[in-house]
Amino acid sequence: MNRILEEVIHENSPIVERIIAEHTAGYVVADNMANAVAETSFDNTSAQAIVKHLNGTLVPACQSVVRDLDPTNKLTYMRVATRKFEYLIAPEEYFTITVVQ
């Protein structure tokens, strides 16, 4: 599992560098199986809060809504805008990527 995540992070390192360079506050890659932070540009406390609240509560609720509306559909990308930040969330099978702008 960790090997898969490390390969994905390594393969997408140019994209991660571009995301960080474009007025981004940071990013979090979370391991879905352990519900833990795998890679982040934030401090551990902030990253854990993002994983707990967004990936642990909001993403599953939104995935459930999408499946309720159309059982053949799947949530692939979610954008949440607040007054201070914008959260770009991409849930995958083994991990979830969250970018904060």
PDB file of N, CA and C in Angstrom:
ATOM      1  N   MET A   1       0.817  -1.201   0.000  1.00  0.00           N
ATOM      2  CA  MET A   1       0.000   0.000   0.000  1.00  0.00           C
ATOM      3  C   MET A   1       0.854   1.256   0.000  1.00  0.00           C
ATOM      4  N   ASN A   2       1.795   1.364   0.943  1.00  0.00           N
ATOM      5  CA  ASN A   2       2.658   2.539   0.994  1.00  0.00           C
ATOM      6  C   ASN A   2       3.504   2.653  -0.257  1.00  0.00           C
ATOM      7  N   ARG A   3       3.867   1.511  -0.826  1.00  0.00           N
ATOM      8  CA  ARG A   3       4.658   1.517  -2.053  1.00  0.00           C
ATOM      9  C   ARG A   3       3.860   2.133  -3.193  1.00  0.00           C
ATOM     10  N   ILE A   4       2.573   1.813  -3.282  1.00  0.00           N
ATOM     11  CA  ILE A   4       1.710   2.392  -4.314  1.00  0.00           C
ATOM     12  C   ILE A   4       1.650   3.899  -4.144  1.00  0.00           C
ATOM     13  N   LEU A   5       1.456   4.347  -2.915  1.00  0.00           N
ATOM     14  CA  LEU A   5       1.364   5.772  -2.627  1.00  0.00           C
ATOM     15  C   LEU A   5       2.671   6.484  -2.951  1.00  0.00           C
ATOM     16  N   GLU A   6       3.793   5.891  -2.577  1.00  0.00           N
ATOM     17  CA  GLU A   6       5.096   6.486  -2.879  1.00  0.00           C
ATOM     18  C   GLU A   6       5.324   6.582  -4.383  1.00  0.00           C
ATOM     19  N   GLU A   7       4.906   5.565  -5.137  1.00  0.00           N
ATOM     20  CA  GLU A   7       5.050   5.595  -6.594  1.00  0.00           C
ATOM     21  C   GLU A   7       4.209   6.717  -7.200  1.00  0.00           C
ATOM     22  N   VAL A   8       2.980   6.876  -6.719  1.00  0.00           N
ATOM     23  CA  VAL A   8       2.103   7.931  -7.236  1.00  0.00           C
ATOM     24  C   VAL A   8       2.690   9.302  -6.930  1.00  0.00           C
ATOM     25  N   ILE A   9       3.175   9.493  -5.712  1.00  0.00           N
ATOM     26  CA  ILE A   9       3.775  10.778  -5.334  1.00  0.00           C
ATOM     27  C   ILE A   9       5.012  11.050  -6.184  1.00  0.00           C
ATOM     28  N   HIS A  10       5.845  10.037  -6.367  1.00  0.00           N
ATOM     29  CA  HIS A  10       7.064  10.203  -7.165  1.00  0.00           C
ATOM     30  C   HIS A  10       6.732  10.504  -8.628  1.00  0.00           C
ATOM     31  N   GLU A  11       5.768   9.784  -9.199  1.00  0.00           N
ATOM     32  CA  GLU A  11       5.387   9.998 -10.592  1.00  0.00           C
ATOM     33  C   GLU A  11       4.792  11.381 -10.815  1.00  0.00           C
ATOM     34  N   ASN A  12       4.125  11.912  -9.796  1.00  0.00           N
ATOM     35  CA  ASN A  12       3.446  13.197  -9.935  1.00  0.00           C
ATOM     36  C   ASN A  12       4.195  14.349  -9.289  1.00  0.00           C
ATOM     37  N   SER A  13       5.474  14.168  -8.996  1.00  0.00           N
ATOM     38  CA  SER A  13       6.230  15.236  -8.337  1.00  0.00           C
ATOM     39  C   SER A  13       6.275  16.531  -9.147  1.00  0.00           C
ATOM     40  N   PRO A  14       6.352  16.516 -10.499  1.00  0.00           N
ATOM     41  CA  PRO A  14       6.291  17.788 -11.229  1.00  0.00           C
ATOM     42  C   PRO A  14       4.958  18.509 -11.033  1.00  0.00           C
ATOM     43  N   ILE A  15       3.872  17.745 -10.943  1.00  0.00           N
ATOM     44  CA  ILE A  15       2.563  18.353 -10.724  1.00  0.00           C
ATOM     45  C   ILE A  15       2.497  18.956  -9.328  1.00  0.00           C
ATOM     46  N   VAL A  16       3.039  18.245  -8.347  1.00  0.00           N
ATOM     47  CA  VAL A  16       3.057  18.761  -6.976  1.00  0.00           C
ATOM     48  C   VAL A  16       3.849  20.061  -6.921  1.00  0.00           C
ATOM     49  N   GLU A  17       4.993  20.110  -7.577  1.00  0.00           N
ATOM     50  CA  GLU A  17       5.808  21.329  -7.595  1.00  0.00           C
ATOM     51  C   GLU A  17       5.050  22.487  -8.254  1.00  0.00           C
ATOM     52  N   ARG A  18       4.313  22.204  -9.334  1.00  0.00           N
ATOM     53  CA  ARG A  18       3.531  23.238 -10.017  1.00  0.00           C
ATOM     54  C   ARG A  18       2.405  23.737  -9.122  1.00  0.00           C
ATOM     55  N   ILE A  19       1.738  22.814  -8.437  1.00  0.00           N
ATOM     56  CA  ILE A  19       0.648  23.192  -7.536  1.00  0.00           C
ATOM     57  C   ILE A  19       1.166  24.109  -6.437  1.00  0.00           C
ATOM     58  N   ILE A  20       2.299  23.774  -5.861  1.00  0.00           N
ATOM     59  CA  ILE A  20       2.871  24.583  -4.781  1.00  0.00           C
ATOM     60  C   ILE A  20       3.276  25.958  -5.284  1.00  0.00           C
ATOM     61  N   ALA A  21       3.769  26.045  -6.514  1.00  0.00           N
ATOM     62  CA  ALA A  21       4.250  27.308  -7.062  1.00  0.00           C
ATOM     63  C   ALA A  21       3.116  28.270  -7.409  1.00  0.00           C
ATOM     64  N   GLU A  22       1.904  27.797  -7.582  1.00  0.00           N
ATOM     65  CA  GLU A  22       0.787  28.619  -8.055  1.00  0.00           C
ATOM     66  C   GLU A  22      -0.113  29.119  -6.926  1.00  0.00           C
ATOM     67  N   HIS A  23       0.408  29.940  -6.050  1.00  0.00           N
ATOM     68  CA  HIS A  23      -0.370  30.590  -4.988  1.00  0.00           C
ATOM     69  C   HIS A  23      -1.185  29.579  -4.183  1.00  0.00           C
ATOM     70  N   THR A  24      -0.583  28.483  -3.856  1.00  0.00           N
ATOM     71  CA  THR A  24      -1.250  27.454  -3.082  1.00  0.00           C
ATOM     72  C   THR A  24      -0.749  27.489  -1.648  1.00  0.00           C
ATOM     73  N   ALA A  25      -1.680  27.372  -0.721  1.00  0.00           N
ATOM     74  CA  ALA A  25      -1.293  27.352   0.689  1.00  0.00           C
ATOM     75  C   ALA A  25      -0.604  26.039   1.045  1.00  0.00           C
ATOM     76  N   GLY A  26      -0.991  24.945   0.382  1.00  0.00           N
ATOM     77  CA  GLY A  26      -0.358  23.662   0.642  1.00  0.00           C
ATOM     78  C   GLY A  26      -1.181  22.501   0.139  1.00  0.00           C
ATOM     79  N   TYR A  27      -0.728  21.304   0.460  1.00  0.00           N
ATOM     80  CA  TYR A  27      -1.415  20.095   0.018  1.00  0.00           C
ATOM     81  C   TYR A  27      -1.284  19.005   1.072  1.00  0.00           C
ATOM     82  N   VAL A  28      -2.202  18.045   0.997  1.00  0.00           N
ATOM     83  CA  VAL A  28      -2.174  16.880   1.880  1.00  0.00           C
ATOM     84  C   VAL A  28      -2.523  15.662   1.037  1.00  0.00           C
ATOM     85  N   VAL A  29      -1.734  14.615   1.143  1.00  0.00           N
ATOM     86  CA  VAL A  29      -2.069  13.326   0.553  1.00  0.00           C
ATOM     87  C   VAL A  29      -2.346  12.394   1.721  1.00  0.00           C
ATOM     88  N   ALA A  30      -3.563  11.838   1.759  1.00  0.00           N
ATOM     89  CA  ALA A  30      -3.968  10.996   2.879  1.00  0.00           C
ATOM     90  C   ALA A  30      -4.137   9.551   2.438  1.00  0.00           C
ATOM     91  N   ASP A  31      -3.721   8.649   3.285  1.00  0.00           N
ATOM     92  CA  ASP A  31      -3.889   7.218   3.086  1.00  0.00           C
ATOM     93  C   ASP A  31      -5.312   6.864   3.526  1.00  0.00           C
ATOM     94  N   ASN A  32      -6.148   6.408   2.602  1.00  0.00           N
ATOM     95  CA  ASN A  32      -7.545   6.119   2.929  1.00  0.00           C
ATOM     96  C   ASN A  32      -7.717   4.932   3.861  1.00  0.00           C
ATOM     97  N   MET A  33      -6.846   3.940   3.753  1.00  0.00           N
ATOM     98  CA  MET A  33      -6.993   2.743   4.589  1.00  0.00           C
ATOM     99  C   MET A  33      -6.726   3.051   6.069  1.00  0.00           C
ATOM    100  N   ALA A  34      -5.684   3.815   6.336  1.00  0.00           N
ATOM    101  CA  ALA A  34      -5.324   4.143   7.722  1.00  0.00           C
ATOM    102  C   ALA A  34      -5.900   5.479   8.160  1.00  0.00           C
ATOM    103  N   ASN A  35      -6.498   6.245   7.224  1.00  0.00           N
ATOM    104  CA  ASN A  35      -7.016   7.592   7.492  1.00  0.00           C
ATOM    105  C   ASN A  35      -5.934   8.453   8.144  1.00  0.00           C
ATOM    106  N   ALA A  36      -4.744   8.397   7.556  1.00  0.00           N
ATOM    107  CA  ALA A  36      -3.590   9.107   8.096  1.00  0.00           C
ATOM    108  C   ALA A  36      -2.904   9.904   6.992  1.00  0.00           C
ATOM    109  N   VAL A  37      -2.127  10.888   7.396  1.00  0.00           N
ATOM    110  CA  VAL A  37      -1.383  11.726   6.455  1.00  0.00           C
ATOM    111  C   VAL A  37      -0.204  10.934   5.902  1.00  0.00           C
ATOM    112  N   ALA A  38      -0.090  10.908   4.566  1.00  0.00           N
ATOM    113  CA  ALA A  38       1.035  10.219   3.931  1.00  0.00           C
ATOM    114  C   ALA A  38       2.093  11.213   3.480  1.00  0.00           C
ATOM    115  N   GLU A  39       1.659  12.376   3.011  1.00  0.00           N
ATOM    116  CA  GLU A  39       2.567  13.411   2.515  1.00  0.00           C
ATOM    117  C   GLU A  39       1.855  14.742   2.698  1.00  0.00           C
ATOM    118  N   THR A  40       2.583  15.781   3.111  1.00  0.00           N
ATOM    119  CA  THR A  40       1.941  17.079   3.315  1.00  0.00           C
ATOM    120  C   THR A  40       2.973  18.198   3.249  1.00  0.00           C
ATOM    121  N   SER A  41       2.493  19.396   2.965  1.00  0.00           N
ATOM    122  CA  SER A  41       3.337  20.582   3.041  1.00  0.00           C
ATOM    123  C   SER A  41       2.956  21.420   4.267  1.00  0.00           C
ATOM    124  N   PHE A  42       1.938  20.975   5.011  1.00  0.00           N
ATOM    125  CA  PHE A  42       1.497  21.649   6.228  1.00  0.00           C
ATOM    126  C   PHE A  42       2.175  21.043   7.446  1.00  0.00           C
ATOM    127  N   ASP A  43       2.016  21.715   8.597  1.00  0.00           N
ATOM    128  CA  ASP A  43       2.453  21.111   9.843  1.00  0.00           C
ATOM    129  C   ASP A  43       1.509  19.957  10.169  1.00  0.00           C
ATOM    130  N   ASN A  44       1.942  19.062  11.025  1.00  0.00           N
ATOM    131  CA  ASN A  44       1.201  17.839  11.309  1.00  0.00           C
ATOM    132  C   ASN A  44      -0.202  18.107  11.858  1.00  0.00           C
ATOM    133  N   THR A  45      -0.359  19.101  12.722  1.00  0.00           N
ATOM    134  CA  THR A  45      -1.662  19.403  13.312  1.00  0.00           C
ATOM    135  C   THR A  45      -2.661  19.850  12.265  1.00  0.00           C
ATOM    136  N   SER A  46      -2.255  20.754  11.370  1.00  0.00           N
ATOM    137  CA  SER A  46      -3.146  21.232  10.304  1.00  0.00           C
ATOM    138  C   SER A  46      -3.493  20.108   9.342  1.00  0.00           C
ATOM    139  N   ALA A  47      -2.502  19.315   8.993  1.00  0.00           N
ATOM    140  CA  ALA A  47      -2.734  18.206   8.063  1.00  0.00           C
ATOM    141  C   ALA A  47      -3.705  17.186   8.657  1.00  0.00           C
ATOM    142  N   GLN A  48      -3.542  16.869   9.941  1.00  0.00           N
ATOM    143  CA  GLN A  48      -4.447  15.927  10.598  1.00  0.00           C
ATOM    144  C   GLN A  48      -5.873  16.474  10.641  1.00  0.00           C
ATOM    145  N   ALA A  49      -6.019  17.778  10.861  1.00  0.00           N
ATOM    146  CA  ALA A  49      -7.353  18.393  10.890  1.00  0.00           C
ATOM    147  C   ALA A  49      -8.012  18.302   9.516  1.00  0.00           C
ATOM    148  N   ILE A  50      -7.253  18.543   8.454  1.00  0.00           N
ATOM    149  CA  ILE A  50      -7.791  18.443   7.095  1.00  0.00           C
ATOM    150  C   ILE A  50      -8.235  17.013   6.816  1.00  0.00           C
ATOM    151  N   VAL A  51      -7.409  16.057   7.171  1.00  0.00           N
ATOM    152  CA  VAL A  51      -7.750  14.645   6.936  1.00  0.00           C
ATOM    153  C   VAL A  51      -8.981  14.255   7.746  1.00  0.00           C
ATOM    154  N   LYS A  52      -9.018  14.660   9.010  1.00  0.00           N
ATOM    155  CA  LYS A  52     -10.133  14.279   9.879  1.00  0.00           C
ATOM    156  C   LYS A  52     -11.455  14.877   9.404  1.00  0.00           C
ATOM    157  N   HIS A  53     -11.467  16.166   9.123  1.00  0.00           N
ATOM    158  CA  HIS A  53     -12.730  16.836   8.822  1.00  0.00           C
ATOM    159  C   HIS A  53     -13.147  16.723   7.358  1.00  0.00           C
ATOM    160  N   LEU A  54     -12.237  16.983   6.448  1.00  0.00           N
ATOM    161  CA  LEU A  54     -12.609  16.917   5.036  1.00  0.00           C
ATOM    162  C   LEU A  54     -12.681  15.477   4.544  1.00  0.00           C
ATOM    163  N   ASN A  55     -11.583  14.743   4.698  1.00  0.00           N
ATOM    164  CA  ASN A  55     -11.522  13.392   4.157  1.00  0.00           C
ATOM    165  C   ASN A  55     -12.304  12.394   5.004  1.00  0.00           C
ATOM    166  N   GLY A  56     -12.415  12.662   6.291  1.00  0.00           N
ATOM    167  CA  GLY A  56     -13.096  11.721   7.175  1.00  0.00           C
ATOM    168  C   GLY A  56     -14.590  11.936   7.281  1.00  0.00           C
ATOM    169  N   THR A  57     -15.054  13.168   7.060  1.00  0.00           N
ATOM    170  CA  THR A  57     -16.470  13.471   7.236  1.00  0.00           C
ATOM    171  C   THR A  57     -17.136  13.947   5.940  1.00  0.00           C
ATOM    172  N   LEU A  58     -16.586  14.987   5.335  1.00  0.00           N
ATOM    173  CA  LEU A  58     -17.238  15.607   4.183  1.00  0.00           C
ATOM    174  C   LEU A  58     -17.192  14.743   2.926  1.00  0.00           C
ATOM    175  N   VAL A  59     -16.049  14.189   2.606  1.00  0.00           N
ATOM    176  CA  VAL A  59     -15.908  13.386   1.378  1.00  0.00           C
ATOM    177  C   VAL A  59     -16.835  12.170   1.400  1.00  0.00           C
ATOM    178  N   PRO A  60     -16.872  11.367   2.468  1.00  0.00           N
ATOM    179  CA  PRO A  60     -17.801  10.231   2.465  1.00  0.00           C
ATOM    180  C   PRO A  60     -19.268  10.648   2.316  1.00  0.00           C
ATOM    181  N   ALA A  61     -19.646  11.771   2.944  1.00  0.00           N
ATOM    182  CA  ALA A  61     -21.028  12.254   2.817  1.00  0.00           C
ATOM    183  C   ALA A  61     -21.334  12.635   1.367  1.00  0.00           C
ATOM    184  N   CYS A  62     -20.409  13.319   0.711  1.00  0.00           N
ATOM    185  CA  CYS A  62     -20.612  13.712  -0.681  1.00  0.00           C
ATOM    186  C   CYS A  62     -20.612  12.501  -1.610  1.00  0.00           C
ATOM    187  N   GLN A  63     -19.758  11.526  -1.333  1.00  0.00           N
ATOM    188  CA  GLN A  63     -19.755  10.294  -2.125  1.00  0.00           C
ATOM    189  C   GLN A  63     -21.101   9.579  -1.988  1.00  0.00           C
ATOM    190  N   SER A  64     -21.654   9.578  -0.801  1.00  0.00           N
ATOM    191  CA  SER A  64     -22.949   8.947  -0.568  1.00  0.00           C
ATOM    192  C   SER A  64     -24.063   9.668  -1.325  1.00  0.00           C
ATOM    193  N   VAL A  65     -24.021  10.996  -1.338  1.00  0.00           N
ATOM    194  CA  VAL A  65     -25.021  11.773  -2.069  1.00  0.00           C
ATOM    195  C   VAL A  65     -24.955  11.462  -3.561  1.00  0.00           C
ATOM    196  N   VAL A  66     -23.743  11.417  -4.108  1.00  0.00           N
ATOM    197  CA  VAL A  66     -23.584  11.118  -5.529  1.00  0.00           C
ATOM    198  C   VAL A  66     -24.132   9.727  -5.844  1.00  0.00           C
ATOM    199  N   ARG A  67     -23.827   8.740  -5.008  1.00  0.00           N
ATOM    200  CA  ARG A  67     -24.340   7.372  -5.225  1.00  0.00           C
ATOM    201  C   ARG A  67     -25.854   7.310  -5.062  1.00  0.00           C
ATOM    202  N   ASP A  68     -26.424   8.101  -4.134  1.00  0.00           N
ATOM    203  CA  ASP A  68     -27.882   8.122  -3.960  1.00  0.00           C
ATOM    204  C   ASP A  68     -28.574   8.696  -5.191  1.00  0.00           C
ATOM    205  N   LEU A  69     -27.974   9.720  -5.789  1.00  0.00           N
ATOM    206  CA  LEU A  69     -28.555  10.326  -6.980  1.00  0.00           C
ATOM    207  C   LEU A  69     -28.451   9.423  -8.200  1.00  0.00           C
ATOM    208  N   ASP A  70     -27.307   8.754  -8.329  1.00  0.00           N
ATOM    209  CA  ASP A  70     -27.081   7.854  -9.457  1.00  0.00           C
ATOM    210  C   ASP A  70     -26.129   6.747  -9.007  1.00  0.00           C
ATOM    211  N   PRO A  71     -26.635   5.548  -8.759  1.00  0.00           N
ATOM    212  CA  PRO A  71     -25.794   4.453  -8.247  1.00  0.00           C
ATOM    213  C   PRO A  71     -24.637   4.061  -9.170  1.00  0.00           C
ATOM    214  N   THR A  72     -24.695   4.443 -10.432  1.00  0.00           N
ATOM    215  CA  THR A  72     -23.611   4.099 -11.356  1.00  0.00           C
ATOM    216  C   THR A  72     -22.535   5.166 -11.408  1.00  0.00           C
ATOM    217  N   ASN A  73     -22.734   6.264 -10.701  1.00  0.00           N
ATOM    218  CA  ASN A  73     -21.799   7.387 -10.749  1.00  0.00           C
ATOM    219  C   ASN A  73     -20.827   7.324  -9.564  1.00  0.00           C
ATOM    220  N   LYS A  74     -19.742   8.116  -9.656  1.00  0.00           N
ATOM    221  CA  LYS A  74     -18.720   8.126  -8.609  1.00  0.00           C
ATOM    222  C   LYS A  74     -18.154   9.536  -8.481  1.00  0.00           C
ATOM    223  N   LEU A  75     -17.936   9.990  -7.248  1.00  0.00           N
ATOM    224  CA  LEU A  75     -17.331  11.292  -7.001  1.00  0.00           C
ATOM    225  C   LEU A  75     -15.848  11.224  -7.356  1.00  0.00           C
ATOM    226  N   THR A  76     -15.396  12.087  -8.262  1.00  0.00           N
ATOM    227  CA  THR A  76     -13.995  12.076  -8.674  1.00  0.00           C
ATOM    228  C   THR A  76     -13.258  13.337  -8.267  1.00  0.00           C
ATOM    229  N   TYR A  77     -13.986  14.429  -8.069  1.00  0.00           N
ATOM    230  CA  TYR A  77     -13.351  15.709  -7.744  1.00  0.00           C
ATOM    231  C   TYR A  77     -14.361  16.577  -7.027  1.00  0.00           C
ATOM    232  N   MET A  78     -13.897  17.310  -6.022  1.00  0.00           N
ATOM    233  CA  MET A  78     -14.785  18.175  -5.265  1.00  0.00           C
ATOM    234  C   MET A  78     -14.068  19.483  -4.955  1.00  0.00           C
ATOM    235  N   ARG A  79     -14.782  20.585  -5.079  1.00  0.00           N
ATOM    236  CA  ARG A  79     -14.218  21.911  -4.800  1.00  0.00           C
ATOM    237  C   ARG A  79     -15.095  22.579  -3.750  1.00  0.00           C
ATOM    238  N   VAL A  80     -14.464  23.000  -2.644  1.00  0.00           N
ATOM    239  CA  VAL A  80     -15.181  23.665  -1.557  1.00  0.00           C
ATOM    240  C   VAL A  80     -14.541  25.024  -1.348  1.00  0.00           C
ATOM    241  N   ALA A  81     -15.331  26.076  -1.496  1.00  0.00           N
ATOM    242  CA  ALA A  81     -14.823  27.436  -1.319  1.00  0.00           C
ATOM    243  C   ALA A  81     -15.331  28.008   0.000  1.00  0.00           C
ATOM    244  N   THR A  82     -14.407  28.589   0.770  1.00  0.00           N
ATOM    245  CA  THR A  82     -14.752  29.295   2.000  1.00  0.00           C
ATOM    246  C   THR A  82     -14.302  30.745   1.851  1.00  0.00           C
ATOM    247  N   ARG A  83     -14.518  31.552   2.860  1.00  0.00           N
ATOM    248  CA  ARG A  83     -14.073  32.945   2.774  1.00  0.00           C
ATOM    249  C   ARG A  83     -12.555  33.064   2.655  1.00  0.00           C
ATOM    250  N   LYS A  84     -11.848  32.206   3.362  1.00  0.00           N
ATOM    251  CA  LYS A  84     -10.387  32.319   3.395  1.00  0.00           C
ATOM    252  C   LYS A  84      -9.677  31.402   2.398  1.00  0.00           C
ATOM    253  N   PHE A  85     -10.197  30.202   2.187  1.00  0.00           N
ATOM    254  CA  PHE A  85      -9.489  29.214   1.377  1.00  0.00           C
ATOM    255  C   PHE A  85     -10.430  28.530   0.400  1.00  0.00           C
ATOM    256  N   GLU A  86      -9.819  27.833  -0.528  1.00  0.00           N
ATOM    257  CA  GLU A  86     -10.550  26.963  -1.430  1.00  0.00           C
ATOM    258  C   GLU A  86      -9.895  25.586  -1.325  1.00  0.00           C
ATOM    259  N   TYR A  87     -10.703  24.559  -1.113  1.00  0.00           N
ATOM    260  CA  TYR A  87     -10.207  23.196  -0.966  1.00  0.00           C
ATOM    261  C   TYR A  87     -10.543  22.414  -2.224  1.00  0.00           C
ATOM    262  N   LEU A  88      -9.533  21.848  -2.851  1.00  0.00           N
ATOM    263  CA  LEU A  88      -9.702  21.028  -4.035  1.00  0.00           C
ATOM    264  C   LEU A  88      -9.400  19.594  -3.615  1.00  0.00           C
ATOM    265  N   ILE A  89     -10.393  18.732  -3.687  1.00  0.00           N
ATOM    266  CA  ILE A  89     -10.284  17.388  -3.137  1.00  0.00           C
ATOM    267  C   ILE A  89     -10.505  16.361  -4.234  1.00  0.00           C
ATOM    268  N   ALA A  90      -9.566  15.426  -4.354  1.00  0.00           N
ATOM    269  CA  ALA A  90      -9.662  14.357  -5.346  1.00  0.00           C
ATOM    270  C   ALA A  90      -9.545  13.009  -4.634  1.00  0.00           C
ATOM    271  N   PRO A  91     -10.684  12.389  -4.307  1.00  0.00           N
ATOM    272  CA  PRO A  91     -10.631  11.086  -3.637  1.00  0.00           C
ATOM    273  C   PRO A  91     -10.359   9.965  -4.644  1.00  0.00           C
ATOM    274  N   GLU A  92      -9.455   9.095  -4.290  1.00  0.00           N
ATOM    275  CA  GLU A  92      -9.136   7.919  -5.098  1.00  0.00           C
ATOM    276  C   GLU A  92      -9.392   6.682  -4.242  1.00  0.00           C
ATOM    277  N   GLU A  93      -9.097   5.510  -4.778  1.00  0.00           N
ATOM    278  CA  GLU A  93      -9.360   4.275  -4.043  1.00  0.00           C
ATOM    279  C   GLU A  93      -8.464   4.139  -2.811  1.00  0.00           C
ATOM    280  N   TYR A  94      -7.163   4.371  -2.966  1.00  0.00           N
ATOM    281  CA  TYR A  94      -6.220   4.146  -1.880  1.00  0.00           C
ATOM    282  C   TYR A  94      -5.801   5.422  -1.147  1.00  0.00           C
ATOM    283  N   PHE A  95      -6.018   6.580  -1.763  1.00  0.00           N
ATOM    284  CA  PHE A  95      -5.571   7.825  -1.156  1.00  0.00           C
ATOM    285  C   PHE A  95      -6.484   8.959  -1.598  1.00  0.00           C
ATOM    286  N   THR A  96      -6.410  10.080  -0.884  1.00  0.00           N
ATOM    287  CA  THR A  96      -7.153  11.288  -1.218  1.00  0.00           C
ATOM    288  C   THR A  96      -6.175  12.446  -1.235  1.00  0.00           C
ATOM    289  N   ILE A  97      -6.232  13.231  -2.311  1.00  0.00           N
ATOM    290  CA  ILE A  97      -5.353  14.395  -2.450  1.00  0.00           C
ATOM    291  C   ILE A  97      -6.200  15.639  -2.172  1.00  0.00           C
ATOM    292  N   THR A  98      -5.716  16.500  -1.284  1.00  0.00           N
ATOM    293  CA  THR A  98      -6.402  17.755  -0.969  1.00  0.00           C
ATOM    294  C   THR A  98      -5.397  18.893  -1.170  1.00  0.00           C
ATOM    295  N   VAL A  99      -5.785  19.874  -1.977  1.00  0.00           N
ATOM    296  CA  VAL A  99      -4.976  21.063  -2.200  1.00  0.00           C
ATOM    297  C   VAL A  99      -5.733  22.248  -1.613  1.00  0.00           C
ATOM    298  N   VAL A 100      -5.021  23.098  -0.889  1.00  0.00           N
ATOM    299  CA  VAL A 100      -5.622  24.289  -0.281  1.00  0.00           C
ATOM    300  C   VAL A 100      -5.061  25.504  -0.992  1.00  0.00           C
ATOM    301  N   GLN A 101      -5.967  26.321  -1.533  1.00  0.00           N
ATOM    302  CA  GLN A 101      -5.540  27.550  -2.209  1.00  0.00           C
ATOM    303  C   GLN A 101      -6.076  28.746  -1.461  1.00  0.00           C
TER     304      GLN A 101
END
